[in-house]
Amino acid sequence: MKQRLLIVEPSELIIEGMKSFLDGQARFKVLEPEMTVDHLNERLLALRPDILLINPTLIDNVANLRGENPMAVIALVYQYIERDALKRYDGIIDIRDSRAVMIETLAQASPDESTSAATGNYQLTNRETAVLIQMAQGKTNKEIADALNVSVHTVISHRKNITHKTGIKSVAGLTVYAMLNNLIDESSLL
């Protein structure tokens, strides 16, 4: 099933560029973009996108956008934005990123679990592996978020994905999994 993506950006040029980059990607369906946030909440309720790609200068509070919708919110950056403001997002796409990097960022922010389950591919992403290593070292969600420069919400999403993919629910079990897969060694646990 395709991930439904909504772009919210005031620049028509950037919207068209993003649509061009994502055109032909089997994983994403780009919805009709928004150029303002005037009616964004109504569109979010009606469309229920899986991913919201938004210019961070348009909104102050990312949490208010989510509401009860479990969508990933990605910042589309092409000017200076405070680092602390970007921590609230599930991912960051810089306009200077390559197409491959942009697509990978979108894919990691909202992984399509049905595809993984259907194909039997339960390999952890690079970001999930990084979160798993931090978890095994006993770090809290907040500490992991700070270390990886992502939001706590993103860490929680990655933890859910790790649990879903591995079938292991406890931190102790995940630590053993990390050790068995040579992601950490005993000396890193001290």
N, C-alpha and C. Protein backbone atom coordinates (compact mmCIF):
# COMPACT_ATOMS: atom_id res chain seq x y z
N MET A 1 0.84 -1.18 0.00
CA MET A 1 0.00 0.00 0.00
C MET A 1 0.89 1.25 0.00
N LYS A 2 0.55 2.21 -0.85
CA LYS A 2 1.35 3.43 -0.96
C LYS A 2 1.14 4.33 0.25
N GLN A 3 2.24 4.98 0.65
CA GLN A 3 2.18 5.97 1.71
C GLN A 3 1.64 7.27 1.12
N ARG A 4 0.59 7.81 1.74
CA ARG A 4 -0.04 9.04 1.25
C ARG A 4 0.72 10.23 1.82
N LEU A 5 1.23 11.10 0.92
CA LEU A 5 2.09 12.21 1.31
C LEU A 5 1.45 13.54 0.93
N LEU A 6 1.37 14.44 1.90
CA LEU A 6 0.84 15.78 1.66
C LEU A 6 1.97 16.78 1.82
N ILE A 7 2.17 17.62 0.80
CA ILE A 7 3.19 18.67 0.83
C ILE A 7 2.51 20.00 1.16
N VAL A 8 3.06 20.72 2.16
CA VAL A 8 2.55 22.05 2.51
C VAL A 8 3.73 23.00 2.39
N GLU A 9 3.68 23.84 1.36
CA GLU A 9 4.80 24.70 1.00
C GLU A 9 4.28 25.88 0.19
N PRO A 10 4.68 27.12 0.54
CA PRO A 10 4.18 28.29 -0.20
C PRO A 10 4.79 28.47 -1.59
N SER A 11 5.91 27.84 -1.88
CA SER A 11 6.57 28.02 -3.17
C SER A 11 6.11 26.96 -4.17
N GLU A 12 5.51 27.42 -5.25
CA GLU A 12 5.05 26.51 -6.29
C GLU A 12 6.24 25.78 -6.93
N LEU A 13 7.36 26.47 -7.06
CA LEU A 13 8.55 25.87 -7.65
C LEU A 13 9.03 24.68 -6.80
N ILE A 14 9.07 24.86 -5.50
CA ILE A 14 9.53 23.78 -4.61
C ILE A 14 8.52 22.64 -4.60
N ILE A 15 7.23 22.96 -4.60
CA ILE A 15 6.21 21.92 -4.66
C ILE A 15 6.41 21.06 -5.91
N GLU A 16 6.54 21.72 -7.06
CA GLU A 16 6.71 20.99 -8.32
C GLU A 16 8.00 20.18 -8.33
N GLY A 17 9.05 20.73 -7.74
CA GLY A 17 10.31 19.99 -7.65
C GLY A 17 10.17 18.74 -6.80
N MET A 18 9.51 18.85 -5.67
CA MET A 18 9.30 17.69 -4.80
C MET A 18 8.42 16.65 -5.49
N LYS A 19 7.37 17.11 -6.15
CA LYS A 19 6.50 16.18 -6.88
C LYS A 19 7.30 15.46 -7.96
N SER A 20 8.18 16.18 -8.64
CA SER A 20 9.02 15.59 -9.68
C SER A 20 9.95 14.54 -9.09
N PHE A 21 10.55 14.84 -7.95
CA PHE A 21 11.44 13.89 -7.29
C PHE A 21 10.71 12.62 -6.89
N LEU A 22 9.47 12.75 -6.46
CA LEU A 22 8.72 11.60 -5.96
C LEU A 22 7.92 10.89 -7.05
N ASP A 23 7.85 11.50 -8.23
CA ASP A 23 7.10 10.92 -9.33
C ASP A 23 7.69 9.56 -9.70
N GLY A 24 6.85 8.59 -9.84
CA GLY A 24 7.29 7.26 -10.23
C GLY A 24 7.74 6.39 -9.07
N GLN A 25 7.73 6.92 -7.85
CA GLN A 25 8.09 6.13 -6.68
C GLN A 25 6.89 5.27 -6.28
N ALA A 26 7.06 3.98 -6.30
CA ALA A 26 5.95 3.07 -6.00
C ALA A 26 5.50 3.18 -4.55
N ARG A 27 6.35 3.69 -3.69
CA ARG A 27 6.04 3.72 -2.26
C ARG A 27 5.14 4.88 -1.86
N PHE A 28 5.12 5.98 -2.62
CA PHE A 28 4.41 7.18 -2.22
C PHE A 28 3.34 7.60 -3.21
N LYS A 29 2.25 8.13 -2.68
CA LYS A 29 1.22 8.77 -3.48
C LYS A 29 1.15 10.21 -3.01
N VAL A 30 1.54 11.15 -3.88
CA VAL A 30 1.54 12.57 -3.51
C VAL A 30 0.13 13.12 -3.68
N LEU A 31 -0.43 13.63 -2.58
CA LEU A 31 -1.76 14.22 -2.59
C LEU A 31 -1.68 15.65 -3.13
N GLU A 32 -2.82 16.24 -3.45
CA GLU A 32 -2.85 17.62 -3.93
C GLU A 32 -2.24 18.53 -2.87
N PRO A 33 -1.15 19.25 -3.20
CA PRO A 33 -0.43 20.06 -2.20
C PRO A 33 -1.24 21.26 -1.69
N GLU A 34 -0.80 21.79 -0.56
CA GLU A 34 -1.34 23.01 0.04
C GLU A 34 -0.25 24.06 0.00
N MET A 35 -0.65 25.30 -0.28
CA MET A 35 0.34 26.39 -0.28
C MET A 35 0.27 27.22 1.00
N THR A 36 -0.79 27.04 1.78
CA THR A 36 -0.94 27.76 3.05
C THR A 36 -1.43 26.77 4.11
N VAL A 37 -1.45 27.24 5.36
CA VAL A 37 -1.97 26.40 6.44
C VAL A 37 -3.38 26.81 6.84
N ASP A 38 -4.01 27.68 6.04
CA ASP A 38 -5.32 28.21 6.38
C ASP A 38 -6.35 27.11 6.65
N HIS A 39 -6.40 26.11 5.82
CA HIS A 39 -7.39 25.03 5.97
C HIS A 39 -6.72 23.68 6.17
N LEU A 40 -5.51 23.72 6.71
CA LEU A 40 -4.73 22.49 6.82
C LEU A 40 -5.36 21.46 7.73
N ASN A 41 -5.87 21.88 8.89
CA ASN A 41 -6.47 20.91 9.81
C ASN A 41 -7.63 20.16 9.17
N GLU A 42 -8.46 20.88 8.39
CA GLU A 42 -9.58 20.24 7.72
C GLU A 42 -9.08 19.23 6.68
N ARG A 43 -8.03 19.62 5.94
CA ARG A 43 -7.46 18.70 4.93
C ARG A 43 -6.85 17.47 5.58
N LEU A 44 -6.19 17.67 6.73
CA LEU A 44 -5.59 16.53 7.42
C LEU A 44 -6.66 15.54 7.87
N LEU A 45 -7.77 16.07 8.40
CA LEU A 45 -8.88 15.20 8.82
C LEU A 45 -9.49 14.47 7.64
N ALA A 46 -9.64 15.16 6.52
CA ALA A 46 -10.28 14.57 5.36
C ALA A 46 -9.37 13.56 4.64
N LEU A 47 -8.11 13.89 4.51
CA LEU A 47 -7.19 13.07 3.70
C LEU A 47 -6.46 11.99 4.50
N ARG A 48 -6.22 12.24 5.78
CA ARG A 48 -5.48 11.31 6.64
C ARG A 48 -4.17 10.86 5.99
N PRO A 49 -3.27 11.82 5.69
CA PRO A 49 -1.99 11.42 5.06
C PRO A 49 -1.13 10.63 6.03
N ASP A 50 -0.27 9.79 5.49
CA ASP A 50 0.70 9.04 6.29
C ASP A 50 1.91 9.91 6.61
N ILE A 51 2.22 10.83 5.68
CA ILE A 51 3.38 11.70 5.82
C ILE A 51 2.97 13.12 5.47
N LEU A 52 3.37 14.06 6.32
CA LEU A 52 3.16 15.48 6.06
C LEU A 52 4.54 16.10 5.87
N LEU A 53 4.79 16.61 4.68
CA LEU A 53 6.06 17.29 4.36
C LEU A 53 5.75 18.78 4.36
N ILE A 54 6.29 19.51 5.36
CA ILE A 54 5.88 20.90 5.57
C ILE A 54 7.05 21.83 5.79
N ASN A 55 6.91 23.03 5.26
CA ASN A 55 7.87 24.09 5.51
C ASN A 55 7.72 24.49 6.98
N PRO A 56 8.76 24.34 7.81
CA PRO A 56 8.63 24.59 9.24
C PRO A 56 8.37 26.05 9.61
N THR A 57 8.54 26.97 8.67
CA THR A 57 8.25 28.37 8.97
C THR A 57 6.74 28.63 8.98
N LEU A 58 5.96 27.68 8.52
CA LEU A 58 4.51 27.87 8.43
C LEU A 58 3.76 27.54 9.72
N ILE A 59 4.40 26.79 10.63
CA ILE A 59 3.72 26.36 11.86
C ILE A 59 4.62 26.54 13.06
N ASP A 60 3.97 26.70 14.22
CA ASP A 60 4.72 26.82 15.47
C ASP A 60 4.72 25.52 16.26
N ASN A 61 3.61 24.79 16.22
CA ASN A 61 3.47 23.62 17.06
C ASN A 61 3.14 22.38 16.24
N VAL A 62 4.11 21.52 16.06
CA VAL A 62 3.94 20.30 15.28
C VAL A 62 2.95 19.36 15.95
N ALA A 63 2.96 19.30 17.26
CA ALA A 63 2.08 18.38 17.98
C ALA A 63 0.61 18.68 17.70
N ASN A 64 0.26 19.96 17.54
CA ASN A 64 -1.13 20.32 17.24
C ASN A 64 -1.57 19.78 15.90
N LEU A 65 -0.65 19.61 14.97
CA LEU A 65 -1.00 19.08 13.65
C LEU A 65 -1.38 17.61 13.71
N ARG A 66 -0.68 16.87 14.53
CA ARG A 66 -0.89 15.42 14.57
C ARG A 66 -2.29 15.07 15.06
N GLY A 67 -2.73 15.70 16.13
CA GLY A 67 -4.02 15.34 16.70
C GLY A 67 -4.06 13.85 16.96
N GLU A 68 -5.06 13.17 16.41
CA GLU A 68 -5.16 11.73 16.57
C GLU A 68 -4.62 10.99 15.35
N ASN A 69 -4.10 11.73 14.39
CA ASN A 69 -3.56 11.13 13.18
C ASN A 69 -2.10 10.72 13.43
N PRO A 70 -1.76 9.45 13.25
CA PRO A 70 -0.39 9.00 13.54
C PRO A 70 0.60 9.27 12.41
N MET A 71 0.39 10.34 11.66
CA MET A 71 1.26 10.64 10.52
C MET A 71 2.65 11.08 10.98
N ALA A 72 3.60 10.88 10.09
CA ALA A 72 4.95 11.40 10.30
C ALA A 72 4.97 12.83 9.77
N VAL A 73 5.63 13.72 10.49
CA VAL A 73 5.72 15.12 10.06
C VAL A 73 7.20 15.41 9.78
N ILE A 74 7.48 15.74 8.51
CA ILE A 74 8.84 15.97 8.03
C ILE A 74 9.01 17.45 7.72
N ALA A 75 10.09 18.04 8.20
CA ALA A 75 10.40 19.45 7.90
C ALA A 75 11.09 19.55 6.55
N LEU A 76 10.59 20.45 5.70
CA LEU A 76 11.21 20.74 4.41
C LEU A 76 11.97 22.05 4.56
N VAL A 77 13.29 21.96 4.60
CA VAL A 77 14.13 23.09 4.98
C VAL A 77 14.95 23.60 3.80
N TYR A 78 14.93 24.93 3.63
CA TYR A 78 15.81 25.56 2.65
C TYR A 78 16.29 26.91 3.13
N GLN A 79 16.10 27.19 4.39
CA GLN A 79 16.64 28.39 5.02
C GLN A 79 16.96 28.03 6.47
N TYR A 80 17.59 28.94 7.18
CA TYR A 80 18.00 28.64 8.55
C TYR A 80 16.78 28.47 9.45
N ILE A 81 16.77 27.38 10.19
CA ILE A 81 15.74 27.08 11.19
C ILE A 81 16.48 26.67 12.46
N GLU A 82 16.02 27.16 13.60
CA GLU A 82 16.65 26.80 14.88
C GLU A 82 16.69 25.27 15.04
N ARG A 83 17.81 24.78 15.49
CA ARG A 83 18.00 23.33 15.68
C ARG A 83 16.96 22.75 16.64
N ASP A 84 16.66 23.46 17.73
CA ASP A 84 15.67 22.98 18.69
C ASP A 84 14.29 22.85 18.07
N ALA A 85 13.96 23.76 17.17
CA ALA A 85 12.65 23.69 16.49
C ALA A 85 12.57 22.45 15.61
N LEU A 86 13.67 22.05 15.01
CA LEU A 86 13.66 20.90 14.11
C LEU A 86 13.59 19.57 14.87
N LYS A 87 13.91 19.57 16.16
CA LYS A 87 13.83 18.34 16.95
C LYS A 87 12.40 17.84 17.10
N ARG A 88 11.44 18.69 16.86
CA ARG A 88 10.03 18.32 17.00
C ARG A 88 9.53 17.49 15.82
N TYR A 89 10.30 17.43 14.77
CA TYR A 89 9.88 16.74 13.55
C TYR A 89 10.40 15.31 13.54
N ASP A 90 9.72 14.47 12.75
CA ASP A 90 10.11 13.07 12.62
C ASP A 90 11.27 12.89 11.66
N GLY A 91 11.56 13.91 10.92
CA GLY A 91 12.66 13.86 9.97
C GLY A 91 12.86 15.24 9.36
N ILE A 92 13.98 15.42 8.68
CA ILE A 92 14.29 16.69 8.06
C ILE A 92 14.78 16.42 6.64
N ILE A 93 14.18 17.12 5.70
CA ILE A 93 14.65 17.07 4.32
C ILE A 93 15.17 18.46 3.99
N ASP A 94 16.44 18.51 3.61
CA ASP A 94 17.03 19.77 3.16
C ASP A 94 16.88 19.81 1.65
N ILE A 95 16.53 20.94 1.12
CA ILE A 95 16.30 21.07 -0.32
C ILE A 95 17.53 20.72 -1.13
N ARG A 96 18.70 20.76 -0.49
CA ARG A 96 19.94 20.41 -1.19
C ARG A 96 20.24 18.91 -1.15
N ASP A 97 19.40 18.13 -0.44
CA ASP A 97 19.60 16.68 -0.38
C ASP A 97 19.38 16.06 -1.76
N SER A 98 20.02 14.94 -1.98
CA SER A 98 19.80 14.21 -3.24
C SER A 98 18.44 13.54 -3.20
N ARG A 99 17.97 13.14 -4.35
CA ARG A 99 16.69 12.42 -4.44
C ARG A 99 16.72 11.18 -3.55
N ALA A 100 17.80 10.42 -3.59
CA ALA A 100 17.91 9.20 -2.81
C ALA A 100 17.81 9.49 -1.31
N VAL A 101 18.47 10.54 -0.85
CA VAL A 101 18.43 10.90 0.57
C VAL A 101 17.01 11.32 0.96
N MET A 102 16.36 12.11 0.11
CA MET A 102 14.99 12.53 0.41
C MET A 102 14.05 11.34 0.52
N ILE A 103 14.15 10.43 -0.41
CA ILE A 103 13.27 9.26 -0.40
C ILE A 103 13.56 8.38 0.81
N GLU A 104 14.83 8.22 1.16
CA GLU A 104 15.19 7.43 2.34
C GLU A 104 14.66 8.08 3.62
N THR A 105 14.75 9.40 3.71
CA THR A 105 14.23 10.11 4.88
C THR A 105 12.72 9.89 5.02
N LEU A 106 12.01 10.01 3.92
CA LEU A 106 10.56 9.78 3.94
C LEU A 106 10.24 8.34 4.30
N ALA A 107 11.00 7.40 3.74
CA ALA A 107 10.76 5.99 4.01
C ALA A 107 11.02 5.64 5.47
N GLN A 108 12.08 6.20 6.05
CA GLN A 108 12.40 5.90 7.44
C GLN A 108 11.43 6.55 8.41
N ALA A 109 10.89 7.69 8.03
CA ALA A 109 9.97 8.38 8.92
C ALA A 109 8.64 7.66 9.04
N SER A 110 8.23 7.03 7.97
CA SER A 110 6.95 6.32 7.98
C SER A 110 7.08 5.00 7.25
N PRO A 111 7.73 4.04 7.88
CA PRO A 111 7.94 2.76 7.21
C PRO A 111 6.62 2.06 6.94
N ASP A 112 6.53 1.42 5.80
CA ASP A 112 5.33 0.68 5.42
C ASP A 112 5.44 -0.73 5.99
N GLU A 113 4.82 -0.93 7.16
CA GLU A 113 4.94 -2.21 7.84
C GLU A 113 4.29 -3.34 7.07
N SER A 114 3.23 -3.04 6.32
CA SER A 114 2.55 -4.09 5.57
C SER A 114 3.47 -4.68 4.51
N THR A 115 4.33 -3.85 3.90
CA THR A 115 5.27 -4.36 2.91
C THR A 115 6.28 -5.28 3.58
N SER A 116 6.79 -4.88 4.73
CA SER A 116 7.76 -5.73 5.45
C SER A 116 7.15 -7.05 5.83
N ALA A 117 5.93 -7.03 6.34
CA ALA A 117 5.27 -8.26 6.77
C ALA A 117 4.98 -9.16 5.58
N ALA A 118 4.56 -8.57 4.46
CA ALA A 118 4.19 -9.37 3.30
C ALA A 118 5.41 -10.04 2.67
N THR A 119 6.54 -9.37 2.68
CA THR A 119 7.73 -9.91 2.03
C THR A 119 8.58 -10.73 2.99
N GLY A 120 8.29 -10.67 4.27
CA GLY A 120 9.10 -11.38 5.25
C GLY A 120 10.41 -10.67 5.52
N ASN A 121 10.54 -9.43 5.08
CA ASN A 121 11.76 -8.66 5.26
C ASN A 121 11.67 -7.88 6.57
N TYR A 122 12.36 -8.38 7.59
CA TYR A 122 12.28 -7.74 8.90
C TYR A 122 13.58 -7.07 9.26
N GLN A 123 14.40 -6.71 8.29
CA GLN A 123 15.68 -6.07 8.56
C GLN A 123 15.44 -4.67 9.12
N LEU A 124 16.18 -4.33 10.17
CA LEU A 124 16.05 -3.00 10.77
C LEU A 124 16.73 -1.97 9.87
N THR A 125 16.13 -0.77 9.83
CA THR A 125 16.75 0.33 9.09
C THR A 125 17.97 0.82 9.88
N ASN A 126 18.77 1.65 9.25
CA ASN A 126 19.95 2.21 9.94
C ASN A 126 19.53 2.99 11.18
N ARG A 127 18.46 3.76 11.08
CA ARG A 127 18.00 4.57 12.21
C ARG A 127 17.46 3.67 13.32
N GLU A 128 16.72 2.62 12.96
CA GLU A 128 16.22 1.68 13.97
C GLU A 128 17.38 0.99 14.67
N THR A 129 18.42 0.66 13.92
CA THR A 129 19.60 0.04 14.53
C THR A 129 20.27 1.00 15.50
N ALA A 130 20.36 2.27 15.13
CA ALA A 130 20.96 3.27 16.02
C ALA A 130 20.14 3.40 17.30
N VAL A 131 18.81 3.39 17.17
CA VAL A 131 17.94 3.48 18.35
C VAL A 131 18.11 2.23 19.21
N LEU A 132 18.17 1.07 18.59
CA LEU A 132 18.34 -0.19 19.32
C LEU A 132 19.64 -0.18 20.13
N ILE A 133 20.71 0.28 19.54
CA ILE A 133 22.00 0.34 20.24
C ILE A 133 21.90 1.25 21.46
N GLN A 134 21.28 2.40 21.28
CA GLN A 134 21.11 3.35 22.40
C GLN A 134 20.23 2.73 23.50
N MET A 135 19.16 2.04 23.09
CA MET A 135 18.28 1.37 24.06
C MET A 135 19.06 0.35 24.87
N ALA A 136 19.85 -0.46 24.16
CA ALA A 136 20.62 -1.51 24.82
C ALA A 136 21.62 -0.94 25.81
N GLN A 137 22.05 0.29 25.59
CA GLN A 137 22.97 0.95 26.50
C GLN A 137 22.25 1.60 27.68
N GLY A 138 20.93 1.41 27.74
CA GLY A 138 20.16 1.88 28.88
C GLY A 138 19.71 3.33 28.81
N LYS A 139 19.75 3.93 27.65
CA LYS A 139 19.36 5.34 27.53
C LYS A 139 17.84 5.48 27.44
N THR A 140 17.37 6.61 27.95
CA THR A 140 15.94 6.91 27.89
C THR A 140 15.56 7.42 26.50
N ASN A 141 14.26 7.48 26.23
CA ASN A 141 13.80 8.00 24.94
C ASN A 141 14.33 9.41 24.70
N LYS A 142 14.31 10.24 25.73
CA LYS A 142 14.78 11.63 25.61
C LYS A 142 16.27 11.66 25.30
N GLU A 143 17.06 10.83 25.98
CA GLU A 143 18.50 10.78 25.73
C GLU A 143 18.80 10.29 24.31
N ILE A 144 18.02 9.31 23.85
CA ILE A 144 18.20 8.80 22.49
C ILE A 144 17.86 9.89 21.48
N ALA A 145 16.74 10.58 21.72
CA ALA A 145 16.31 11.66 20.82
C ALA A 145 17.38 12.74 20.72
N ASP A 146 17.94 13.12 21.84
CA ASP A 146 18.99 14.15 21.85
C ASP A 146 20.25 13.66 21.11
N ALA A 147 20.62 12.41 21.35
CA ALA A 147 21.83 11.87 20.73
C ALA A 147 21.69 11.75 19.20
N LEU A 148 20.48 11.42 18.74
CA LEU A 148 20.26 11.22 17.30
C LEU A 148 19.66 12.44 16.62
N ASN A 149 19.43 13.50 17.39
CA ASN A 149 18.86 14.74 16.87
C ASN A 149 17.51 14.53 16.19
N VAL A 150 16.64 13.79 16.88
CA VAL A 150 15.27 13.57 16.41
C VAL A 150 14.33 13.84 17.57
N SER A 151 13.03 13.79 17.31
CA SER A 151 12.06 14.02 18.37
C SER A 151 11.86 12.74 19.19
N VAL A 152 11.34 12.90 20.39
CA VAL A 152 11.01 11.75 21.23
C VAL A 152 9.95 10.90 20.52
N HIS A 153 9.02 11.56 19.83
CA HIS A 153 7.98 10.85 19.08
C HIS A 153 8.61 9.92 18.05
N THR A 154 9.65 10.38 17.37
CA THR A 154 10.34 9.56 16.38
C THR A 154 11.00 8.36 17.04
N VAL A 155 11.61 8.56 18.19
CA VAL A 155 12.24 7.45 18.92
C VAL A 155 11.19 6.41 19.28
N ILE A 156 10.06 6.86 19.78
CA ILE A 156 8.98 5.94 20.15
C ILE A 156 8.50 5.15 18.93
N SER A 157 8.37 5.83 17.78
CA SER A 157 7.97 5.15 16.54
C SER A 157 8.99 4.09 16.15
N HIS A 158 10.27 4.44 16.24
CA HIS A 158 11.31 3.47 15.90
C HIS A 158 11.28 2.28 16.86
N ARG A 159 11.04 2.55 18.14
CA ARG A 159 10.97 1.45 19.12
C ARG A 159 9.81 0.51 18.80
N LYS A 160 8.68 1.08 18.40
CA LYS A 160 7.54 0.24 17.99
C LYS A 160 7.89 -0.60 16.78
N ASN A 161 8.57 0.01 15.81
CA ASN A 161 8.98 -0.73 14.61
C ASN A 161 9.96 -1.85 14.95
N ILE A 162 10.89 -1.57 15.84
CA ILE A 162 11.87 -2.58 16.26
C ILE A 162 11.15 -3.75 16.92
N THR A 163 10.23 -3.45 17.82
CA THR A 163 9.46 -4.50 18.50
C THR A 163 8.65 -5.31 17.50
N HIS A 164 8.02 -4.62 16.55
CA HIS A 164 7.21 -5.30 15.54
C HIS A 164 8.07 -6.21 14.67
N LYS A 165 9.22 -5.72 14.24
CA LYS A 165 10.08 -6.48 13.34
C LYS A 165 10.76 -7.65 14.02
N THR A 166 11.19 -7.46 15.27
CA THR A 166 11.93 -8.52 15.96
C THR A 166 11.02 -9.45 16.76
N GLY A 167 9.84 -8.94 17.14
CA GLY A 167 8.95 -9.73 17.99
C GLY A 167 9.39 -9.75 19.45
N ILE A 168 10.37 -8.92 19.80
CA ILE A 168 10.91 -8.86 21.16
C ILE A 168 10.38 -7.59 21.83
N LYS A 169 9.77 -7.76 23.01
CA LYS A 169 9.12 -6.63 23.67
C LYS A 169 9.92 -6.01 24.81
N SER A 170 10.83 -6.75 25.40
CA SER A 170 11.55 -6.22 26.56
C SER A 170 12.89 -5.62 26.14
N VAL A 171 13.35 -4.66 26.92
CA VAL A 171 14.66 -4.04 26.67
C VAL A 171 15.76 -5.08 26.86
N ALA A 172 15.60 -5.94 27.86
CA ALA A 172 16.61 -6.98 28.09
C ALA A 172 16.70 -7.91 26.87
N GLY A 173 15.55 -8.30 26.34
CA GLY A 173 15.53 -9.17 25.16
C GLY A 173 16.15 -8.48 23.95
N LEU A 174 15.86 -7.18 23.79
CA LEU A 174 16.43 -6.43 22.68
C LEU A 174 17.94 -6.25 22.85
N THR A 175 18.40 -6.15 24.10
CA THR A 175 19.84 -6.06 24.36
C THR A 175 20.54 -7.35 23.94
N VAL A 176 19.93 -8.48 24.27
CA VAL A 176 20.49 -9.77 23.86
C VAL A 176 20.49 -9.86 22.33
N TYR A 177 19.40 -9.44 21.71
CA TYR A 177 19.31 -9.43 20.24
C TYR A 177 20.45 -8.60 19.65
N ALA A 178 20.69 -7.41 20.22
CA ALA A 178 21.76 -6.53 19.72
C ALA A 178 23.12 -7.19 19.88
N MET A 179 23.33 -7.89 20.99
CA MET A 179 24.61 -8.57 21.21
C MET A 179 24.78 -9.74 20.24
N LEU A 180 23.72 -10.52 20.04
CA LEU A 180 23.80 -11.67 19.14
C LEU A 180 24.02 -11.25 17.69
N ASN A 181 23.58 -10.06 17.34
CA ASN A 181 23.75 -9.55 15.98
C ASN A 181 24.96 -8.63 15.85
N ASN A 182 25.85 -8.69 16.86
CA ASN A 182 27.11 -7.93 16.86
C ASN A 182 26.91 -6.42 16.68
N LEU A 183 25.81 -5.90 17.22
CA LEU A 183 25.58 -4.47 17.19
C LEU A 183 26.26 -3.79 18.38
N ILE A 184 26.41 -4.52 19.45
CA ILE A 184 27.10 -4.03 20.66
C ILE A 184 27.90 -5.17 21.24
N ASP A 185 28.84 -4.83 22.10
CA ASP A 185 29.55 -5.86 22.85
C ASP A 185 29.38 -5.58 24.34
N GLU A 186 29.81 -6.51 25.16
CA GLU A 186 29.61 -6.39 26.61
C GLU A 186 30.27 -5.14 27.17
N SER A 187 31.38 -4.72 26.63
CA SER A 187 32.08 -3.56 27.18
C SER A 187 31.26 -2.26 27.00
N SER A 188 30.41 -2.20 26.00
CA SER A 188 29.60 -0.99 25.79
C SER A 188 28.42 -0.92 26.74
N LEU A 189 28.15 -2.00 27.48
CA LEU A 189 27.03 -2.02 28.42
C LEU A 189 27.43 -1.58 29.81
N LEU A 190 28.70 -1.39 30.05
CA LEU A 190 29.17 -1.01 31.40
C LEU A 190 29.05 0.45 31.65
